[in-house]
N, C-alpha and C. Protein backbone atom coordinates (compact mmCIF):
# COMPACT_ATOMS: atom_id res chain seq x y z
N GLN A 1 -14.12 9.01 -13.15
CA GLN A 1 -13.58 7.66 -13.31
C GLN A 1 -12.61 7.37 -12.18
N VAL A 2 -12.83 6.26 -11.48
CA VAL A 2 -11.99 5.90 -10.34
C VAL A 2 -10.70 5.28 -10.85
N GLN A 3 -9.59 5.81 -10.38
CA GLN A 3 -8.29 5.24 -10.73
C GLN A 3 -7.38 5.29 -9.52
N LEU A 4 -6.49 4.31 -9.45
CA LEU A 4 -5.46 4.23 -8.42
C LEU A 4 -4.13 4.00 -9.10
N VAL A 5 -3.10 4.69 -8.64
CA VAL A 5 -1.76 4.48 -9.19
C VAL A 5 -0.77 4.44 -8.03
N GLU A 6 -0.07 3.32 -7.92
CA GLU A 6 0.96 3.18 -6.90
C GLU A 6 2.31 3.63 -7.44
N SER A 7 3.16 4.07 -6.54
CA SER A 7 4.52 4.42 -6.90
C SER A 7 5.39 4.30 -5.66
N GLY A 8 6.70 4.39 -5.87
CA GLY A 8 7.63 4.38 -4.74
C GLY A 8 8.36 3.08 -4.51
N GLY A 9 8.03 2.07 -5.27
CA GLY A 9 8.73 0.80 -5.11
C GLY A 9 10.16 0.88 -5.60
N GLY A 10 10.93 -0.15 -5.33
CA GLY A 10 12.31 -0.17 -5.77
C GLY A 10 13.09 -1.29 -5.15
N LEU A 11 14.40 -1.23 -5.32
CA LEU A 11 15.31 -2.23 -4.77
C LEU A 11 16.03 -1.65 -3.57
N VAL A 12 15.89 -2.32 -2.44
CA VAL A 12 16.56 -1.88 -1.21
C VAL A 12 17.21 -3.07 -0.53
N GLN A 13 18.06 -2.78 0.44
CA GLN A 13 18.67 -3.83 1.24
C GLN A 13 17.84 -4.08 2.50
N ALA A 14 17.99 -5.25 3.05
CA ALA A 14 17.29 -5.58 4.29
C ALA A 14 17.60 -4.55 5.36
N GLY A 15 16.57 -4.15 6.08
CA GLY A 15 16.73 -3.16 7.13
C GLY A 15 16.42 -1.74 6.69
N GLU A 16 16.37 -1.51 5.39
CA GLU A 16 16.08 -0.17 4.89
C GLU A 16 14.58 0.07 4.81
N SER A 17 14.24 1.29 4.39
CA SER A 17 12.83 1.69 4.36
C SER A 17 12.43 2.15 2.96
N LEU A 18 11.13 2.08 2.71
CA LEU A 18 10.54 2.62 1.50
C LEU A 18 9.18 3.21 1.87
N ARG A 19 8.78 4.23 1.12
CA ARG A 19 7.42 4.76 1.28
C ARG A 19 6.71 4.63 -0.06
N LEU A 20 5.66 3.83 -0.05
CA LEU A 20 4.84 3.68 -1.24
C LEU A 20 3.72 4.71 -1.21
N SER A 21 3.36 5.18 -2.39
CA SER A 21 2.26 6.12 -2.53
C SER A 21 1.15 5.49 -3.35
N CYS A 22 -0.06 5.86 -3.02
CA CYS A 22 -1.23 5.45 -3.81
C CYS A 22 -2.00 6.72 -4.13
N LEU A 23 -1.93 7.14 -5.37
CA LEU A 23 -2.63 8.34 -5.81
C LEU A 23 -4.00 7.96 -6.35
N GLY A 24 -5.03 8.54 -5.78
CA GLY A 24 -6.38 8.23 -6.20
C GLY A 24 -7.01 9.37 -6.98
N SER A 25 -7.86 9.02 -7.92
CA SER A 25 -8.64 10.02 -8.65
C SER A 25 -10.05 9.50 -8.86
N GLY A 26 -10.98 10.43 -8.94
CA GLY A 26 -12.37 10.05 -9.12
C GLY A 26 -13.11 9.76 -7.82
N PHE A 27 -12.44 9.92 -6.71
CA PHE A 27 -13.04 9.70 -5.40
C PHE A 27 -12.14 10.40 -4.39
N ASN A 28 -12.55 10.39 -3.13
CA ASN A 28 -11.76 11.05 -2.09
C ASN A 28 -11.42 10.04 -1.00
N PHE A 29 -10.15 9.92 -0.68
CA PHE A 29 -9.74 8.98 0.36
C PHE A 29 -10.32 9.33 1.72
N ASP A 30 -10.78 10.55 1.89
CA ASP A 30 -11.35 10.92 3.19
C ASP A 30 -12.65 10.19 3.49
N ILE A 31 -13.29 9.64 2.45
CA ILE A 31 -14.57 8.97 2.69
C ILE A 31 -14.56 7.52 2.25
N TYR A 32 -13.36 6.99 1.93
CA TYR A 32 -13.25 5.58 1.57
C TYR A 32 -12.08 4.95 2.32
N ASP A 33 -12.24 3.69 2.67
CA ASP A 33 -11.16 2.94 3.27
C ASP A 33 -10.19 2.50 2.17
N ILE A 34 -8.94 2.40 2.52
CA ILE A 34 -7.95 1.91 1.56
C ILE A 34 -7.39 0.59 2.07
N HIS A 35 -7.07 -0.26 1.12
CA HIS A 35 -6.50 -1.56 1.45
C HIS A 35 -5.20 -1.74 0.66
N TRP A 36 -4.22 -2.29 1.33
CA TRP A 36 -2.95 -2.61 0.67
C TRP A 36 -2.80 -4.13 0.61
N PHE A 37 -2.38 -4.61 -0.56
CA PHE A 37 -2.11 -6.01 -0.78
C PHE A 37 -0.73 -6.13 -1.41
N ARG A 38 -0.21 -7.34 -1.41
CA ARG A 38 1.05 -7.60 -2.11
C ARG A 38 1.03 -9.01 -2.70
N GLN A 39 1.79 -9.17 -3.75
CA GLN A 39 1.91 -10.48 -4.38
C GLN A 39 3.38 -10.84 -4.51
N PRO A 40 3.86 -11.71 -3.63
CA PRO A 40 5.26 -12.16 -3.73
C PRO A 40 5.46 -12.98 -5.00
N PRO A 41 6.68 -13.08 -5.48
CA PRO A 41 6.96 -13.85 -6.70
C PRO A 41 6.48 -15.30 -6.54
N GLY A 42 5.71 -15.76 -7.49
CA GLY A 42 5.25 -17.14 -7.49
C GLY A 42 4.17 -17.48 -6.48
N LYS A 43 3.64 -16.44 -5.81
CA LYS A 43 2.63 -16.70 -4.78
C LYS A 43 1.36 -15.91 -5.09
N GLU A 44 0.32 -16.20 -4.32
CA GLU A 44 -0.93 -15.48 -4.50
C GLU A 44 -0.88 -14.12 -3.80
N ARG A 45 -1.77 -13.26 -4.25
CA ARG A 45 -1.87 -11.94 -3.62
C ARG A 45 -2.33 -12.10 -2.18
N GLU A 46 -1.74 -11.32 -1.29
CA GLU A 46 -2.08 -11.40 0.13
C GLU A 46 -2.35 -10.02 0.69
N TRP A 47 -3.20 -10.00 1.68
CA TRP A 47 -3.54 -8.73 2.34
C TRP A 47 -2.41 -8.25 3.22
N VAL A 48 -2.16 -6.95 3.20
CA VAL A 48 -1.11 -6.34 4.01
C VAL A 48 -1.67 -5.43 5.09
N ALA A 49 -2.60 -4.54 4.70
CA ALA A 49 -3.08 -3.55 5.67
C ALA A 49 -4.37 -2.92 5.21
N ASP A 50 -5.13 -2.44 6.17
CA ASP A 50 -6.32 -1.63 5.92
C ASP A 50 -6.14 -0.28 6.61
N GLY A 51 -6.48 0.78 5.88
CA GLY A 51 -6.50 2.11 6.47
C GLY A 51 -7.91 2.65 6.37
N SER A 52 -8.54 2.87 7.52
CA SER A 52 -9.93 3.30 7.48
C SER A 52 -10.02 4.80 7.22
N ARG A 53 -11.19 5.20 6.75
CA ARG A 53 -11.45 6.62 6.48
C ARG A 53 -11.40 7.43 7.77
N TYR A 54 -11.49 6.73 8.92
CA TYR A 54 -11.49 7.41 10.21
C TYR A 54 -10.10 7.50 10.82
N GLY A 55 -9.10 7.02 10.08
CA GLY A 55 -7.73 7.15 10.56
C GLY A 55 -7.17 5.93 11.26
N ARG A 56 -7.97 4.88 11.41
CA ARG A 56 -7.47 3.67 12.07
C ARG A 56 -6.82 2.78 11.03
N ALA A 57 -5.89 1.95 11.48
CA ALA A 57 -5.21 1.04 10.57
C ALA A 57 -5.05 -0.33 11.23
N VAL A 58 -5.11 -1.35 10.41
CA VAL A 58 -4.91 -2.72 10.85
C VAL A 58 -3.90 -3.35 9.90
N PHE A 59 -2.99 -4.13 10.45
CA PHE A 59 -1.90 -4.69 9.65
C PHE A 59 -1.83 -6.21 9.81
N ALA A 60 -1.34 -6.84 8.78
CA ALA A 60 -1.05 -8.27 8.86
C ALA A 60 0.05 -8.49 9.89
N GLY A 61 0.03 -9.63 10.53
CA GLY A 61 1.01 -9.90 11.57
C GLY A 61 2.44 -9.81 11.08
N SER A 62 2.65 -10.17 9.81
CA SER A 62 4.01 -10.19 9.28
C SER A 62 4.61 -8.80 9.11
N VAL A 63 3.77 -7.75 9.12
CA VAL A 63 4.28 -6.39 8.93
C VAL A 63 3.95 -5.48 10.12
N GLU A 64 3.18 -5.99 11.06
CA GLU A 64 2.81 -5.21 12.24
C GLU A 64 4.05 -4.66 12.93
N GLY A 65 4.00 -3.38 13.25
CA GLY A 65 5.13 -2.75 13.93
C GLY A 65 6.19 -2.22 12.98
N ARG A 66 6.13 -2.59 11.71
CA ARG A 66 7.11 -2.11 10.74
C ARG A 66 6.48 -1.22 9.67
N PHE A 67 5.21 -1.42 9.38
CA PHE A 67 4.52 -0.65 8.34
C PHE A 67 3.50 0.28 9.00
N THR A 68 3.33 1.45 8.40
CA THR A 68 2.29 2.38 8.84
C THR A 68 1.60 2.98 7.61
N ILE A 69 0.40 3.51 7.84
CA ILE A 69 -0.37 4.13 6.77
C ILE A 69 -0.62 5.59 7.16
N SER A 70 -0.52 6.46 6.20
CA SER A 70 -0.84 7.86 6.43
C SER A 70 -1.45 8.46 5.17
N LYS A 71 -2.09 9.63 5.35
CA LYS A 71 -2.68 10.32 4.22
C LYS A 71 -1.93 11.61 3.96
N SER A 72 -1.98 12.07 2.72
CA SER A 72 -1.34 13.34 2.39
C SER A 72 -2.07 14.47 3.10
N ARG A 73 -1.31 15.50 3.43
CA ARG A 73 -1.91 16.64 4.12
C ARG A 73 -2.18 17.80 3.16
N GLY A 74 -1.72 17.62 1.93
CA GLY A 74 -1.92 18.69 0.95
C GLY A 74 -3.14 18.45 0.10
N ASP A 75 -3.08 18.96 -1.10
CA ASP A 75 -4.22 18.85 -2.01
C ASP A 75 -4.26 17.51 -2.75
N THR A 76 -3.15 16.74 -2.72
CA THR A 76 -3.15 15.49 -3.47
C THR A 76 -3.94 14.43 -2.72
N ASN A 77 -4.72 13.67 -3.42
CA ASN A 77 -5.51 12.60 -2.85
C ASN A 77 -4.64 11.35 -2.81
N THR A 78 -3.75 11.30 -1.83
CA THR A 78 -2.73 10.27 -1.78
C THR A 78 -2.67 9.62 -0.41
N VAL A 79 -2.48 8.31 -0.41
CA VAL A 79 -2.26 7.57 0.82
C VAL A 79 -0.89 6.92 0.72
N TYR A 80 -0.20 6.86 1.85
CA TYR A 80 1.15 6.32 1.87
C TYR A 80 1.21 5.05 2.70
N LEU A 81 2.07 4.14 2.28
CA LEU A 81 2.41 2.97 3.08
C LEU A 81 3.89 3.08 3.40
N GLN A 82 4.19 3.43 4.63
CA GLN A 82 5.58 3.54 5.07
C GLN A 82 6.04 2.16 5.51
N MET A 83 7.11 1.68 4.93
CA MET A 83 7.61 0.34 5.22
C MET A 83 9.02 0.47 5.78
N ASN A 84 9.19 0.10 7.03
CA ASN A 84 10.48 0.18 7.70
C ASN A 84 11.03 -1.21 8.00
N ASP A 85 12.32 -1.26 8.21
CA ASP A 85 12.98 -2.53 8.55
C ASP A 85 12.57 -3.62 7.58
N LEU A 86 12.72 -3.33 6.31
CA LEU A 86 12.26 -4.28 5.30
C LEU A 86 13.07 -5.57 5.33
N LYS A 87 12.40 -6.65 5.02
CA LYS A 87 13.00 -7.98 5.03
C LYS A 87 12.87 -8.60 3.63
N PRO A 88 13.73 -9.54 3.32
CA PRO A 88 13.63 -10.18 1.99
C PRO A 88 12.24 -10.74 1.71
N GLU A 89 11.56 -11.20 2.75
CA GLU A 89 10.22 -11.76 2.55
C GLU A 89 9.17 -10.70 2.25
N ASP A 90 9.53 -9.43 2.32
CA ASP A 90 8.63 -8.36 1.91
C ASP A 90 8.67 -8.12 0.40
N THR A 91 9.57 -8.82 -0.28
CA THR A 91 9.67 -8.68 -1.72
C THR A 91 8.35 -9.09 -2.39
N ALA A 92 7.79 -8.18 -3.18
CA ALA A 92 6.48 -8.42 -3.79
C ALA A 92 6.11 -7.22 -4.65
N VAL A 93 5.06 -7.39 -5.42
CA VAL A 93 4.42 -6.25 -6.07
C VAL A 93 3.31 -5.78 -5.12
N TYR A 94 3.31 -4.52 -4.82
CA TYR A 94 2.36 -3.95 -3.86
C TYR A 94 1.24 -3.21 -4.60
N TYR A 95 0.03 -3.45 -4.13
CA TYR A 95 -1.16 -2.86 -4.74
C TYR A 95 -1.99 -2.13 -3.70
N CYS A 96 -2.59 -1.03 -4.10
CA CYS A 96 -3.62 -0.42 -3.27
C CYS A 96 -4.98 -0.70 -3.89
N ASN A 97 -5.98 -0.66 -3.05
CA ASN A 97 -7.31 -1.11 -3.47
C ASN A 97 -8.37 -0.33 -2.69
N ILE A 98 -9.44 0.02 -3.37
CA ILE A 98 -10.63 0.51 -2.67
C ILE A 98 -11.85 -0.22 -3.22
N ILE A 99 -12.89 -0.20 -2.41
CA ILE A 99 -14.18 -0.71 -2.86
C ILE A 99 -15.09 0.50 -3.04
N TYR A 100 -15.42 0.77 -4.28
CA TYR A 100 -16.18 1.96 -4.64
C TYR A 100 -17.51 1.53 -5.24
N GLU A 101 -18.58 1.87 -4.57
CA GLU A 101 -19.92 1.50 -5.03
C GLU A 101 -20.01 0.01 -5.32
N GLY A 102 -19.41 -0.78 -4.43
CA GLY A 102 -19.50 -2.23 -4.52
C GLY A 102 -18.51 -2.89 -5.46
N ALA A 103 -17.71 -2.12 -6.15
CA ALA A 103 -16.75 -2.68 -7.09
C ALA A 103 -15.33 -2.49 -6.59
N ASN A 104 -14.49 -3.48 -6.84
CA ASN A 104 -13.07 -3.40 -6.47
C ASN A 104 -12.28 -2.64 -7.52
N PHE A 105 -11.48 -1.70 -7.05
CA PHE A 105 -10.58 -0.99 -7.94
C PHE A 105 -9.15 -1.20 -7.45
N TRP A 106 -8.28 -1.50 -8.40
CA TRP A 106 -6.88 -1.77 -8.10
C TRP A 106 -5.99 -0.87 -8.93
N GLY A 107 -4.83 -0.55 -8.37
CA GLY A 107 -3.80 0.09 -9.15
C GLY A 107 -3.00 -0.97 -9.89
N PRO A 108 -2.07 -0.54 -10.76
CA PRO A 108 -1.25 -1.49 -11.52
C PRO A 108 -0.17 -2.15 -10.67
N GLY A 109 0.10 -1.60 -9.49
CA GLY A 109 1.11 -2.18 -8.61
C GLY A 109 2.46 -1.52 -8.76
N THR A 110 3.25 -1.62 -7.69
CA THR A 110 4.62 -1.14 -7.72
C THR A 110 5.51 -2.20 -7.10
N PRO A 111 6.60 -2.58 -7.77
CA PRO A 111 7.41 -3.69 -7.26
C PRO A 111 8.40 -3.25 -6.18
N VAL A 112 8.54 -4.08 -5.19
CA VAL A 112 9.50 -3.89 -4.11
C VAL A 112 10.38 -5.12 -4.04
N THR A 113 11.68 -4.90 -4.08
CA THR A 113 12.63 -6.00 -3.94
C THR A 113 13.57 -5.68 -2.79
N VAL A 114 13.65 -6.61 -1.85
CA VAL A 114 14.51 -6.44 -0.68
C VAL A 114 15.60 -7.50 -0.74
N SER A 115 16.82 -7.05 -0.84
CA SER A 115 17.94 -7.98 -0.89
C SER A 115 18.51 -8.22 0.50
N SER A 116 19.04 -9.40 0.70
CA SER A 116 19.58 -9.76 2.03
C SER A 116 21.04 -9.37 2.15
């Protein structure tokens, strides 16, 4: 059974960093691309980043240069979203997503609040 669980969100001040984790089960991140989205308060969900199975990453312009994606090096099937120099406009619930056998799978999300 495919499942995703995000963690690592919290309340930080502008300029600080957070690392979000996406723990996957029922599949292997080595052979699937991962996608990160976020939903700011009162707004629609928006795309943040793609991390390909081949190690390449693409980011939305609003986070380019501040966010990076990496994979765990141990036995855990985990992908990380490192978020640096956070801004109040990064405040949102963050979700990881994969497309597995044509179906979208989402985690429950982890909230990030950035105070000014």
